[in-house]
Amino acid sequence: MRRTVVGPSASHSVVSRIVRLSDGNPLFAESLARVDRHRSHHPPRQITSVIEDRLSYLSSEDQRLLETAALIGYSFEVDYLAQLTRIDIDDVYERLHVLFDEHDLVRPADQRNRYDRYRIHHPLFAQVLRERGAANEPRWRRHHAKLLQIIEAEQDWDDELFVRAAAVAVEASNGPKAGALALQAARRQFALGAVSKARDLARIAVENTPYFDAFALLAECLSAGGDHAAAVDACVAGLGFAEAVAPAEVAHVRLLWARNLRMTCRWAQAVEVLDQLAIDFPEPGGVLAETLNLYAEVALCGPSQDCARCVELCDQVAAMSTEPEVQSRAFGHRGLAHLAAGQPMEAEQWLQKAIDVARAAGHPYAEYEAVHWLSKKTMACLEVERSAELLAQLREMSQTSGVASENPPHVRDLSRVLGTRGEFPDAANAFAVFTDISQSAAAGRVSTTLACQLAEIESLRGPFAAAEFLDEVLRAANEDFLLADSRELLRGLVERLGARPPGWNPVAFAVAELEVPLADAQAADAIFRFDVPDLGHLRAGLA
């Protein structure tokens, strides 16, 4: 589809949706891609015409039966269909057999628990049927209300049934139930590490029941997915509903607020929130431990680095808290503080300890963070092969558990490792992917990161290698897998970086020539240096 469709490429999520809906039919895929360029989510006319023609051979009763089946889902339970249509279940089986045997419009599907299921012939066929059913809005809403009653009568819900029930409640226009069910489903998905799905469900909860719990979970999901600015907004919105909420729950959101302020480099605001938390919770315990942990992050990453203070705070946290996730973060920050202080052996010890604690806790996001910190240390110390192994591990963790799935830092770091190894085509491809999946608001940090990476290659491998890397970035910028905005950004960066002067400074160049705000340029540079003030000095000591 990417190779044959003319015009701007579709995003990865759009491509995935089209592949799912087309179900292996290349003509459907092309038609859907053309329609998607016009921002329409309805099947194109040529597809709906074919489907409507096939439906025209059915009786009106069988057409309504299929519309109700599609309401239940692409795969649907026969018992549900019988109850919704008020038809004897044996008659439903008989009609489904005719639709399968004579018309090839439904097919038997795998059972769900004790329920027999069929599936509709094609996802697009199911979508057209749903749109036909939704045209009769009162009937559609009433059927969803009945379906919700049927689902609620079931025992022992699994995770997917919670998700399904929330979607049915939305279609039934039952806001209170939609909000409550979406919140339950979001919590379960977040616990499984399915961050994107949890975020979408939390948004449904916020839209239908805009209370403290819904905003708090949405902030958690946004934070875990890397959208820290939106997480700040969700925290602020949730705290507006905190009047009758237990102090410990409110404190958790205030901590999350401070953490995301720190991630967006709003240091003064973050410290202000932390100062108030330290006043409100002065006794040793979970809240104070997490507050001190965030103070340690500010000491390490903030505008005035104090590695000794960071180590001191991390020791206090580790002694105060028994929570493995909190301890893991304290050990990780201590390890990075030793790295920033030019003590790589001590950094290795504490970073490995952070991984061990997170892994024992069985928390996928905490483990991802800890492994990511160790990968930083190996890159800082030019342990290139080990870095590649750790980044491959991070990629696998992100794919299997969903952690960091929105803006995975391992993609950015993979480009850097490949560049230091001289594998410039692959390094450029990885950077192009990182550009594509970064939020548009992060364009300044993307630009500075590319400048820093180019300067590093130039320092390690010379100007000819840097020129070769830039040529590969330009080649990657013209690949059809990229969004149009990403292509335009990368092409402009290559052109301006190609005119860099001798002895250039990547951060100053980013601000003056790439028009990056100073705060964004400094933040991207700090991430690139792993908060090590003099990365060259650290590496020289390892030679």
Protein backbone atom coordinates (compact mmCIF):
# COMPACT_ATOMS: atom_id res chain seq x y z
CA MET A 1 0.00 0.00 0.00
CA ARG A 2 2.81 2.42 0.91
CA ARG A 3 4.50 1.79 -2.43
CA THR A 4 1.46 2.21 -4.66
CA VAL A 5 -0.59 5.02 -3.10
CA VAL A 6 0.31 8.41 -4.54
CA GLY A 7 0.67 11.42 -2.21
CA PRO A 8 1.62 11.92 1.44
CA SER A 9 2.19 8.70 3.36
CA ALA A 10 -0.23 7.57 6.00
CA SER A 11 0.88 7.37 9.63
CA HIS A 12 1.76 4.00 11.16
CA SER A 13 -1.53 3.85 13.09
CA VAL A 14 -3.52 4.61 9.93
CA VAL A 15 -1.61 1.94 8.00
CA SER A 16 -2.34 -0.60 10.74
CA ARG A 17 -6.05 0.28 10.67
CA ILE A 18 -6.21 -0.02 6.88
CA VAL A 19 -4.40 -3.37 6.90
CA ARG A 20 -6.85 -4.66 9.52
CA LEU A 21 -9.93 -3.41 7.67
CA SER A 22 -8.79 -4.58 4.23
CA ASP A 23 -8.07 -8.07 5.65
CA GLY A 24 -5.61 -9.03 2.94
CA ASN A 25 -7.49 -7.51 -0.01
CA PRO A 26 -5.03 -5.18 -1.83
CA LEU A 27 -7.76 -3.39 -3.81
CA PHE A 28 -9.61 -2.59 -0.60
CA ALA A 29 -6.34 -1.38 0.95
CA GLU A 30 -5.67 1.02 -1.93
CA SER A 31 -9.22 2.35 -1.87
CA LEU A 32 -9.12 2.87 1.89
CA ALA A 33 -5.78 4.68 1.67
CA ARG A 34 -7.10 7.09 -0.96
CA VAL A 35 -10.17 7.83 1.13
CA ASP A 36 -8.02 8.29 4.25
CA ARG A 37 -6.06 11.08 2.52
CA HIS A 38 -9.32 13.04 2.57
CA ARG A 39 -9.68 12.31 6.33
CA SER A 40 -12.77 10.16 5.87
CA HIS A 41 -13.30 7.09 8.04
CA HIS A 42 -16.13 5.73 5.89
CA PRO A 43 -15.47 2.96 3.35
CA PRO A 44 -15.13 4.27 -0.22
CA ARG A 45 -18.14 4.17 -2.51
CA GLN A 46 -16.79 1.39 -4.72
CA ILE A 47 -16.47 -0.91 -1.70
CA THR A 48 -19.84 -0.06 -0.17
CA SER A 49 -21.48 -0.59 -3.57
CA VAL A 50 -20.12 -4.13 -3.79
CA ILE A 51 -21.26 -4.88 -0.23
CA GLU A 52 -24.70 -3.33 -0.70
CA ASP A 53 -25.12 -5.38 -3.86
CA ARG A 54 -24.44 -8.60 -1.96
CA LEU A 55 -26.87 -7.58 0.78
CA SER A 56 -29.60 -6.89 -1.78
CA TYR A 57 -29.98 -10.62 -2.39
CA LEU A 58 -31.02 -11.18 1.24
CA SER A 59 -34.44 -10.84 2.78
CA SER A 60 -35.05 -7.77 4.93
CA GLU A 61 -35.16 -10.05 7.99
CA ASP A 62 -31.70 -11.47 7.25
CA GLN A 63 -30.32 -7.98 6.59
CA ARG A 64 -31.56 -6.82 10.02
CA LEU A 65 -30.14 -9.99 11.57
CA LEU A 66 -26.70 -9.17 10.15
CA GLU A 67 -26.96 -5.53 11.25
CA THR A 68 -27.66 -6.71 14.80
CA ALA A 69 -24.80 -9.22 14.59
CA ALA A 70 -22.44 -6.42 13.53
CA LEU A 71 -23.66 -4.35 16.47
CA ILE A 72 -22.37 -7.10 18.77
CA GLY A 73 -19.04 -7.17 16.97
CA TYR A 74 -17.03 -8.48 14.03
CA SER A 75 -17.14 -11.78 15.94
CA PHE A 76 -20.47 -12.22 17.72
CA GLU A 77 -22.04 -14.64 20.20
CA VAL A 78 -25.05 -16.56 18.88
CA ASP A 79 -26.78 -16.40 22.29
CA TYR A 80 -26.42 -12.60 22.32
CA LEU A 81 -27.89 -12.39 18.81
CA ALA A 82 -30.88 -14.55 19.73
CA GLN A 83 -31.65 -12.40 22.78
CA LEU A 84 -31.31 -9.12 20.91
CA THR A 85 -33.49 -10.20 17.97
CA ARG A 86 -35.95 -12.16 20.17
CA ILE A 87 -35.68 -15.13 17.83
CA ASP A 88 -35.50 -18.73 19.01
CA ILE A 89 -31.86 -19.71 19.18
CA ASP A 90 -32.34 -22.79 16.97
CA ASP A 91 -33.86 -20.55 14.29
CA VAL A 92 -30.88 -18.18 14.60
CA TYR A 93 -28.48 -21.09 14.08
CA GLU A 94 -30.47 -22.15 11.01
CA ARG A 95 -30.41 -18.66 9.48
CA LEU A 96 -26.70 -18.29 10.19
CA HIS A 97 -26.08 -21.61 8.47
CA VAL A 98 -27.88 -20.36 5.36
CA LEU A 99 -25.91 -17.09 5.42
CA PHE A 100 -22.72 -19.16 5.69
CA ASP A 101 -23.49 -21.98 3.30
CA GLU A 102 -25.39 -20.16 0.53
CA HIS A 103 -24.12 -16.57 0.76
CA ASP A 104 -20.67 -16.86 2.41
CA LEU A 105 -21.42 -13.78 4.54
CA VAL A 106 -20.66 -15.28 7.97
CA ARG A 107 -18.32 -18.01 9.14
CA PRO A 108 -18.04 -20.06 12.35
CA ALA A 109 -15.51 -18.60 14.80
CA ASP A 110 -13.75 -19.83 17.92
CA GLN A 111 -15.85 -20.20 21.04
CA ARG A 112 -15.57 -17.71 23.91
CA ASN A 113 -16.00 -19.67 27.13
CA ARG A 114 -19.33 -21.46 26.68
CA TYR A 115 -20.56 -19.19 23.87
CA ASP A 116 -20.68 -20.28 20.23
CA ARG A 117 -19.55 -17.49 17.95
CA TYR A 118 -19.64 -16.58 14.28
CA ARG A 119 -17.73 -13.84 12.51
CA ILE A 120 -18.83 -11.61 9.68
CA HIS A 121 -17.23 -12.33 6.31
CA HIS A 122 -14.99 -9.24 6.20
CA PRO A 123 -14.20 -6.31 8.54
CA LEU A 124 -15.40 -3.79 5.95
CA PHE A 125 -18.62 -5.75 5.56
CA ALA A 126 -19.10 -5.48 9.33
CA GLN A 127 -18.41 -1.73 9.21
CA VAL A 128 -21.02 -1.16 6.48
CA LEU A 129 -23.55 -3.20 8.45
CA ARG A 130 -22.84 -1.15 11.58
CA GLU A 131 -23.32 2.10 9.68
CA ARG A 132 -26.65 0.83 8.33
CA GLY A 133 -27.77 -0.14 11.81
CA ALA A 134 -26.61 3.15 13.34
CA ALA A 135 -28.77 5.08 10.84
CA ASN A 136 -31.78 4.14 13.00
CA GLU A 137 -30.44 5.88 16.09
CA PRO A 138 -33.21 5.01 18.63
CA ARG A 139 -33.13 1.32 17.67
CA TRP A 140 -29.32 1.31 17.72
CA ARG A 141 -29.19 2.87 21.18
CA ARG A 142 -31.90 0.56 22.53
CA HIS A 143 -30.13 -2.54 21.23
CA HIS A 144 -26.87 -1.45 22.86
CA ALA A 145 -28.70 -0.89 26.16
CA LYS A 146 -30.06 -4.43 25.91
CA LEU A 147 -26.62 -5.80 24.96
CA LEU A 148 -25.14 -4.10 28.01
CA GLN A 149 -27.71 -5.86 30.22
CA ILE A 150 -26.78 -9.20 28.62
CA ILE A 151 -23.06 -8.62 29.21
CA GLU A 152 -23.63 -7.47 32.79
CA ALA A 153 -25.43 -10.75 33.52
CA GLU A 154 -22.23 -12.67 32.76
CA GLN A 155 -19.94 -13.91 35.51
CA ASP A 156 -16.14 -13.75 35.68
CA TRP A 157 -15.38 -10.97 33.21
CA ASP A 158 -11.99 -11.06 31.53
CA ASP A 159 -10.01 -7.98 30.53
CA GLU A 160 -11.44 -7.75 27.02
CA LEU A 161 -15.03 -8.02 28.25
CA PHE A 162 -14.45 -4.93 30.41
CA VAL A 163 -13.24 -3.06 27.31
CA ARG A 164 -16.18 -4.30 25.28
CA ALA A 165 -18.74 -3.39 27.95
CA ALA A 166 -17.38 0.17 28.10
CA ALA A 167 -17.74 0.55 24.32
CA VAL A 168 -21.32 -0.81 24.44
CA ALA A 169 -22.23 1.61 27.24
CA VAL A 170 -20.94 4.52 25.13
CA GLU A 171 -23.11 3.46 22.20
CA ALA A 172 -26.06 3.07 24.58
CA SER A 173 -25.55 6.73 25.62
CA ASN A 174 -25.29 5.58 29.24
CA GLY A 175 -22.66 8.08 30.41
CA PRO A 176 -22.37 7.01 34.07
CA LYS A 177 -21.92 3.33 33.18
CA ALA A 178 -19.62 4.15 30.26
CA GLY A 179 -17.39 6.18 32.57
CA ALA A 180 -17.33 3.58 35.36
CA LEU A 181 -16.71 0.64 33.00
CA ALA A 182 -14.06 2.51 31.02
CA LEU A 183 -12.25 3.40 34.24
CA GLN A 184 -12.23 -0.25 35.37
CA ALA A 185 -11.08 -1.42 31.96
CA ALA A 186 -8.37 1.26 31.80
CA ARG A 187 -6.99 0.22 35.19
CA ARG A 188 -6.76 -3.40 34.10
CA GLN A 189 -5.10 -2.54 30.79
CA PHE A 190 -2.62 -0.21 32.49
CA ALA A 191 -1.70 -2.96 34.97
CA LEU A 192 -1.01 -5.24 31.99
CA GLY A 193 1.27 -2.60 30.45
CA ALA A 194 -1.12 -1.84 27.54
CA VAL A 195 -0.55 1.89 27.95
CA SER A 196 -2.16 3.12 24.71
CA LYS A 197 -5.34 1.13 25.22
CA ALA A 198 -5.51 2.23 28.85
CA ARG A 199 -5.08 5.87 27.79
CA ASP A 200 -7.94 5.66 25.27
CA LEU A 201 -10.22 4.07 27.87
CA ALA A 202 -9.26 6.68 30.47
CA ARG A 203 -10.25 9.38 27.98
CA ILE A 204 -13.66 7.74 27.64
CA ALA A 205 -13.95 7.77 31.44
CA VAL A 206 -13.02 11.47 31.58
CA GLU A 207 -15.52 12.35 28.85
CA ASN A 208 -18.37 10.52 30.57
CA THR A 209 -17.53 10.90 34.28
CA PRO A 210 -15.08 13.80 34.67
CA TYR A 211 -14.01 13.13 38.25
CA PHE A 212 -10.74 12.80 40.14
CA ASP A 213 -10.14 9.05 39.56
CA ALA A 214 -10.59 9.30 35.79
CA PHE A 215 -8.24 12.27 35.41
CA ALA A 216 -5.69 10.65 37.73
CA LEU A 217 -5.54 7.48 35.62
CA LEU A 218 -5.45 9.47 32.39
CA ALA A 219 -2.46 11.41 33.76
CA GLU A 220 -0.73 8.10 34.62
CA CYS A 221 -1.28 6.78 31.10
CA LEU A 222 -0.14 9.98 29.41
CA SER A 223 2.96 10.11 31.58
CA ALA A 224 3.87 6.49 30.85
CA GLY A 225 3.32 7.13 27.14
CA GLY A 226 5.67 10.13 27.13
CA ASP A 227 3.07 12.88 26.65
CA HIS A 228 4.20 14.83 29.71
CA ALA A 229 2.64 18.18 28.78
CA ALA A 230 -0.81 16.58 28.47
CA ALA A 231 -0.18 14.66 31.71
CA VAL A 232 0.40 17.99 33.50
CA ASP A 233 -2.96 19.24 32.22
CA ALA A 234 -4.70 16.02 33.33
CA CYS A 235 -3.20 16.32 36.83
CA VAL A 236 -4.35 19.92 37.17
CA ALA A 237 -7.86 18.99 35.97
CA GLY A 238 -8.03 16.04 38.39
CA LEU A 239 -6.91 18.12 41.36
CA GLY A 240 -9.88 20.37 40.68
CA PHE A 241 -12.10 17.44 41.81
CA ALA A 242 -9.97 16.53 44.87
CA GLU A 243 -12.09 18.10 47.62
CA ALA A 244 -13.63 14.87 48.93
CA VAL A 245 -10.74 12.56 47.96
CA ALA A 246 -8.44 10.81 50.45
CA PRO A 247 -5.21 12.79 51.08
CA ALA A 248 -2.99 9.88 50.01
CA GLU A 249 -4.69 9.68 46.60
CA VAL A 250 -4.41 13.43 46.13
CA ALA A 251 -0.73 13.29 47.09
CA HIS A 252 -0.12 10.65 44.41
CA VAL A 253 -1.50 12.98 41.72
CA ARG A 254 0.48 15.92 43.09
CA LEU A 255 3.63 13.79 42.83
CA LEU A 256 2.69 12.83 39.28
CA TRP A 257 2.13 16.52 38.55
CA ALA A 258 5.61 17.40 39.86
CA ARG A 259 7.21 14.57 37.90
CA ASN A 260 5.67 15.68 34.63
CA LEU A 261 6.56 19.31 35.31
CA ARG A 262 10.13 18.08 35.74
CA MET A 263 9.91 16.12 32.47
CA THR A 264 8.85 19.30 30.65
CA CYS A 265 11.76 21.22 32.28
CA ARG A 266 9.48 23.48 34.32
CA TRP A 267 11.91 23.24 37.20
CA ALA A 268 10.66 26.13 39.35
CA GLN A 269 7.07 24.89 39.21
CA ALA A 270 8.17 21.33 39.98
CA VAL A 271 10.14 22.45 43.04
CA GLU A 272 7.20 24.56 44.20
CA VAL A 273 4.91 21.50 44.15
CA LEU A 274 7.56 19.38 45.90
CA ASP A 275 8.14 22.00 48.60
CA GLN A 276 4.44 21.99 49.45
CA LEU A 277 4.35 18.18 49.54
CA ALA A 278 7.34 18.13 51.90
CA ILE A 279 5.46 20.51 54.22
CA ASP A 280 2.20 18.52 54.06
CA PHE A 281 3.89 15.10 54.52
CA PRO A 282 6.94 15.64 56.77
CA GLU A 283 6.94 12.16 58.33
CA PRO A 284 8.96 9.30 56.78
CA GLY A 285 6.73 7.31 54.45
CA GLY A 286 5.75 6.71 50.86
CA VAL A 287 4.83 10.28 49.96
CA LEU A 288 7.97 11.80 51.43
CA ALA A 289 10.11 9.10 49.80
CA GLU A 290 8.72 9.88 46.35
CA THR A 291 9.05 13.60 47.03
CA LEU A 292 12.73 13.15 47.86
CA ASN A 293 13.14 10.99 44.76
CA LEU A 294 11.90 13.87 42.63
CA TYR A 295 14.14 16.32 44.48
CA ALA A 296 16.99 13.96 43.51
CA GLU A 297 15.98 14.17 39.86
CA VAL A 298 16.02 17.95 40.05
CA ALA A 299 19.47 17.85 41.66
CA LEU A 300 20.74 15.58 38.87
CA CYS A 301 18.97 16.99 35.80
CA GLY A 302 17.96 20.51 36.79
CA PRO A 303 19.57 23.79 35.87
CA SER A 304 22.17 23.49 38.69
CA GLN A 305 23.53 19.96 38.86
CA ASP A 306 24.50 18.68 42.33
CA CYS A 307 25.55 15.02 42.09
CA ALA A 308 26.49 14.73 45.77
CA ARG A 309 23.05 16.01 46.80
CA CYS A 310 21.40 13.56 44.39
CA VAL A 311 23.28 10.62 45.94
CA GLU A 312 22.38 11.78 49.46
CA LEU A 313 18.68 12.04 48.59
CA CYS A 314 18.67 8.65 46.85
CA ASP A 315 20.14 7.01 49.96
CA GLN A 316 17.38 8.57 52.07
CA VAL A 317 14.72 7.28 49.70
CA ALA A 318 16.12 3.73 49.62
CA ALA A 319 16.23 3.62 53.41
CA MET A 320 12.74 5.10 53.80
CA SER A 321 10.67 3.19 51.22
CA THR A 322 9.91 -0.50 50.86
CA GLU A 323 8.23 0.01 47.47
CA PRO A 324 10.36 -1.75 44.81
CA GLU A 325 9.42 0.77 42.10
CA VAL A 326 10.48 3.71 44.29
CA GLN A 327 13.68 1.94 45.36
CA SER A 328 14.50 1.07 41.74
CA ARG A 329 14.17 4.69 40.70
CA ALA A 330 16.34 5.83 43.63
CA PHE A 331 19.06 3.34 42.72
CA GLY A 332 18.84 4.36 39.07
CA HIS A 333 19.17 8.04 39.84
CA ARG A 334 22.09 7.35 42.12
CA GLY A 335 23.76 5.40 39.32
CA LEU A 336 23.28 8.28 36.89
CA ALA A 337 24.62 10.72 39.49
CA HIS A 338 27.83 8.65 39.74
CA LEU A 339 28.03 8.65 35.94
CA ALA A 340 27.63 12.44 35.84
CA ALA A 341 30.39 12.69 38.47
CA GLY A 342 32.73 10.65 36.27
CA GLN A 343 32.49 7.41 38.29
CA PRO A 344 31.40 4.75 35.76
CA MET A 345 32.17 1.71 37.95
CA GLU A 346 29.95 2.98 40.77
CA ALA A 347 27.32 3.89 38.16
CA GLU A 348 27.32 0.32 36.83
CA GLN A 349 26.81 -1.11 40.33
CA TRP A 350 23.77 1.03 41.16
CA LEU A 351 22.17 0.84 37.73
CA GLN A 352 22.32 -2.94 37.78
CA LYS A 353 20.80 -2.89 41.26
CA ALA A 354 17.93 -0.75 39.90
CA ILE A 355 17.22 -3.38 37.23
CA ASP A 356 17.28 -6.24 39.73
CA VAL A 357 14.81 -4.52 42.07
CA ALA A 358 12.42 -3.55 39.23
CA ARG A 359 12.53 -7.02 37.71
CA ALA A 360 11.78 -8.67 41.05
CA ALA A 361 8.77 -6.36 41.44
CA GLY A 362 7.33 -7.50 38.11
CA HIS A 363 6.53 -3.93 37.04
CA PRO A 364 7.20 -3.61 33.28
CA TYR A 365 7.51 0.18 33.16
CA ALA A 366 9.93 0.30 36.13
CA GLU A 367 12.07 -2.38 34.51
CA TYR A 368 12.01 -0.56 31.17
CA GLU A 369 13.20 2.62 32.92
CA ALA A 370 15.98 0.78 34.73
CA VAL A 371 17.29 -0.97 31.61
CA HIS A 372 17.09 2.35 29.75
CA TRP A 373 19.28 4.00 32.41
CA LEU A 374 21.91 1.26 32.08
CA SER A 375 21.84 1.67 28.30
CA LYS A 376 22.61 5.37 28.86
CA LYS A 377 25.67 4.45 30.88
CA THR A 378 26.95 2.04 28.23
CA MET A 379 26.52 4.66 25.49
CA ALA A 380 28.28 7.31 27.59
CA CYS A 381 31.20 4.92 28.07
CA LEU A 382 31.19 3.82 24.39
CA GLU A 383 30.37 0.20 25.27
CA VAL A 384 28.72 0.09 21.86
CA GLU A 385 28.00 -3.62 21.47
CA ARG A 386 26.52 -3.81 24.95
CA SER A 387 24.42 -0.74 24.20
CA ALA A 388 23.00 -2.45 21.12
CA GLU A 389 22.06 -5.52 23.18
CA LEU A 390 20.29 -3.43 25.82
CA LEU A 391 18.42 -1.42 23.19
CA ALA A 392 17.24 -4.64 21.54
CA GLN A 393 15.99 -5.74 24.96
CA LEU A 394 14.15 -2.42 25.39
CA ARG A 395 12.56 -2.76 21.97
CA GLU A 396 11.27 -6.23 22.85
CA MET A 397 9.91 -4.98 26.19
CA SER A 398 8.10 -2.12 24.45
CA GLN A 399 6.54 -4.44 21.88
CA THR A 400 5.40 -7.11 24.32
CA SER A 401 4.17 -4.98 27.23
CA GLY A 402 3.33 -1.66 25.58
CA VAL A 403 5.59 0.43 27.84
CA ALA A 404 6.98 3.58 26.18
CA SER A 405 4.97 2.69 23.08
CA GLU A 406 4.06 6.29 22.23
CA ASN A 407 7.56 7.74 21.97
CA PRO A 408 10.12 5.03 22.66
CA PRO A 409 13.53 6.47 23.61
CA HIS A 410 15.24 3.27 22.52
CA VAL A 411 14.54 4.17 18.86
CA ARG A 412 16.36 7.49 19.29
CA ASP A 413 19.25 5.81 21.09
CA LEU A 414 19.49 3.01 18.52
CA SER A 415 20.20 5.60 15.83
CA ARG A 416 23.01 6.98 17.97
CA VAL A 417 24.60 3.57 18.60
CA LEU A 418 24.42 2.66 14.92
CA GLY A 419 26.02 6.00 14.07
CA THR A 420 28.94 5.46 16.44
CA ARG A 421 29.45 2.05 14.80
CA GLY A 422 29.55 3.67 11.36
CA GLU A 423 26.35 1.96 10.17
CA PHE A 424 24.99 5.20 8.69
CA PRO A 425 22.10 3.89 6.51
CA ASP A 426 20.56 2.04 9.45
CA ALA A 427 21.32 4.95 11.80
CA ALA A 428 19.53 7.35 9.45
CA ASN A 429 16.52 5.04 9.12
CA ALA A 430 16.25 4.73 12.91
CA PHE A 431 16.43 8.50 13.32
CA ALA A 432 13.73 8.96 10.68
CA VAL A 433 11.47 6.57 12.59
CA PHE A 434 12.19 8.45 15.82
CA THR A 435 11.25 11.70 14.07
CA ASP A 436 8.04 10.14 12.78
CA ILE A 437 6.84 8.86 16.15
CA SER A 438 7.82 11.95 18.13
CA GLN A 439 5.03 14.38 18.82
CA SER A 440 4.97 17.47 16.63
CA ALA A 441 5.60 19.61 19.73
CA ALA A 442 8.97 17.83 20.13
CA ALA A 443 10.34 19.07 16.78
CA GLY A 444 12.84 21.34 18.57
CA ARG A 445 14.27 18.46 20.59
CA VAL A 446 14.40 16.25 17.49
CA SER A 447 16.35 18.97 15.67
CA THR A 448 18.84 19.44 18.52
CA THR A 449 19.30 15.68 18.91
CA LEU A 450 20.22 15.35 15.23
CA ALA A 451 22.70 18.22 15.58
CA CYS A 452 24.27 16.58 18.65
CA GLN A 453 24.43 13.20 16.93
CA LEU A 454 26.08 14.72 13.87
CA ALA A 455 28.64 16.49 16.08
CA GLU A 456 29.40 13.22 17.89
CA ILE A 457 29.99 11.34 14.62
CA GLU A 458 32.18 14.19 13.42
CA SER A 459 34.20 14.04 16.65
CA LEU A 460 34.57 10.25 16.68
CA ARG A 461 34.89 9.50 12.95
CA GLY A 462 35.76 12.75 11.19
CA PRO A 463 34.03 15.21 8.83
CA PHE A 464 33.70 12.78 5.90
CA ALA A 465 31.78 10.33 8.08
CA ALA A 466 29.53 13.16 9.28
CA ALA A 467 28.81 14.14 5.66
CA GLU A 468 28.01 10.51 4.80
CA PHE A 469 25.59 10.33 7.73
CA LEU A 470 23.83 13.51 6.59
CA ASP A 471 23.51 12.09 3.06
CA GLU A 472 21.83 8.99 4.51
CA VAL A 473 19.44 11.13 6.58
CA LEU A 474 18.44 12.95 3.38
CA ARG A 475 17.90 9.61 1.66
CA ALA A 476 15.76 8.40 4.60
CA ALA A 477 13.81 11.68 4.50
CA ASN A 478 12.59 10.71 1.02
CA GLU A 479 11.39 7.23 2.00
CA ASP A 480 7.66 6.66 1.63
CA PHE A 481 7.20 5.25 5.12
CA LEU A 482 7.49 8.73 6.66
CA LEU A 483 4.77 11.27 7.34
CA ALA A 484 4.90 14.35 5.14
CA ASP A 485 5.70 16.59 8.14
CA SER A 486 8.62 14.36 9.13
CA ARG A 487 10.00 14.43 5.59
CA GLU A 488 9.83 18.20 5.48
CA LEU A 489 11.50 18.58 8.89
CA LEU A 490 14.37 16.23 8.07
CA ARG A 491 15.03 17.75 4.65
CA GLY A 492 15.24 21.22 6.16
CA LEU A 493 17.55 20.01 8.93
CA VAL A 494 19.90 18.30 6.48
CA GLU A 495 20.12 21.44 4.35
CA ARG A 496 20.95 23.74 7.28
CA LEU A 497 23.27 21.29 9.05
CA GLY A 498 25.16 20.86 5.79
CA ALA A 499 26.12 24.55 6.07
CA ARG A 500 27.50 24.29 9.63
CA PRO A 501 30.77 26.19 10.18
CA PRO A 502 34.05 24.61 11.39
CA GLY A 503 34.31 24.23 15.16
CA TRP A 504 30.55 24.56 15.54
CA ASN A 505 28.60 23.98 18.75
CA PRO A 506 25.45 21.86 18.17
CA VAL A 507 23.35 23.51 20.90
CA ALA A 508 24.24 27.07 19.84
CA PHE A 509 23.66 26.07 16.20
CA ALA A 510 20.25 24.59 17.07
CA VAL A 511 19.17 27.82 18.74
CA ALA A 512 20.61 30.24 16.15
CA GLU A 513 20.12 28.35 12.89
CA LEU A 514 17.47 25.68 13.55
CA GLU A 515 15.26 28.10 15.49
CA VAL A 516 14.94 25.81 18.51
CA PRO A 517 13.89 27.48 21.79
CA LEU A 518 16.83 27.61 24.20
CA ALA A 519 15.06 25.51 26.88
CA ASP A 520 14.28 22.73 24.36
CA ALA A 521 17.82 22.78 22.99
CA GLN A 522 19.35 22.58 26.47
CA ALA A 523 16.99 19.76 27.48
CA ALA A 524 17.80 17.71 24.37
CA ASP A 525 21.52 18.31 24.92
CA ALA A 526 21.27 17.16 28.56
CA ILE A 527 19.51 13.96 27.46
CA PHE A 528 22.16 13.41 24.79
CA ARG A 529 24.97 13.88 27.33
CA PHE A 530 23.13 11.72 29.92
CA ASP A 531 23.49 14.76 32.22
CA VAL A 532 27.28 14.22 32.17
CA PRO A 533 28.76 17.76 32.09
CA ASP A 534 31.85 16.73 30.09
CA LEU A 535 31.20 13.57 28.11
CA GLY A 536 34.52 13.88 26.27
CA HIS A 537 36.42 13.96 29.56
CA LEU A 538 34.58 10.86 30.81
CA ARG A 539 35.39 8.94 27.64
CA ALA A 540 39.00 10.07 27.64
CA GLY A 541 39.41 8.60 31.11
CA LEU A 542 38.20 5.21 29.83
CA ALA A 543 40.62 5.00 26.91
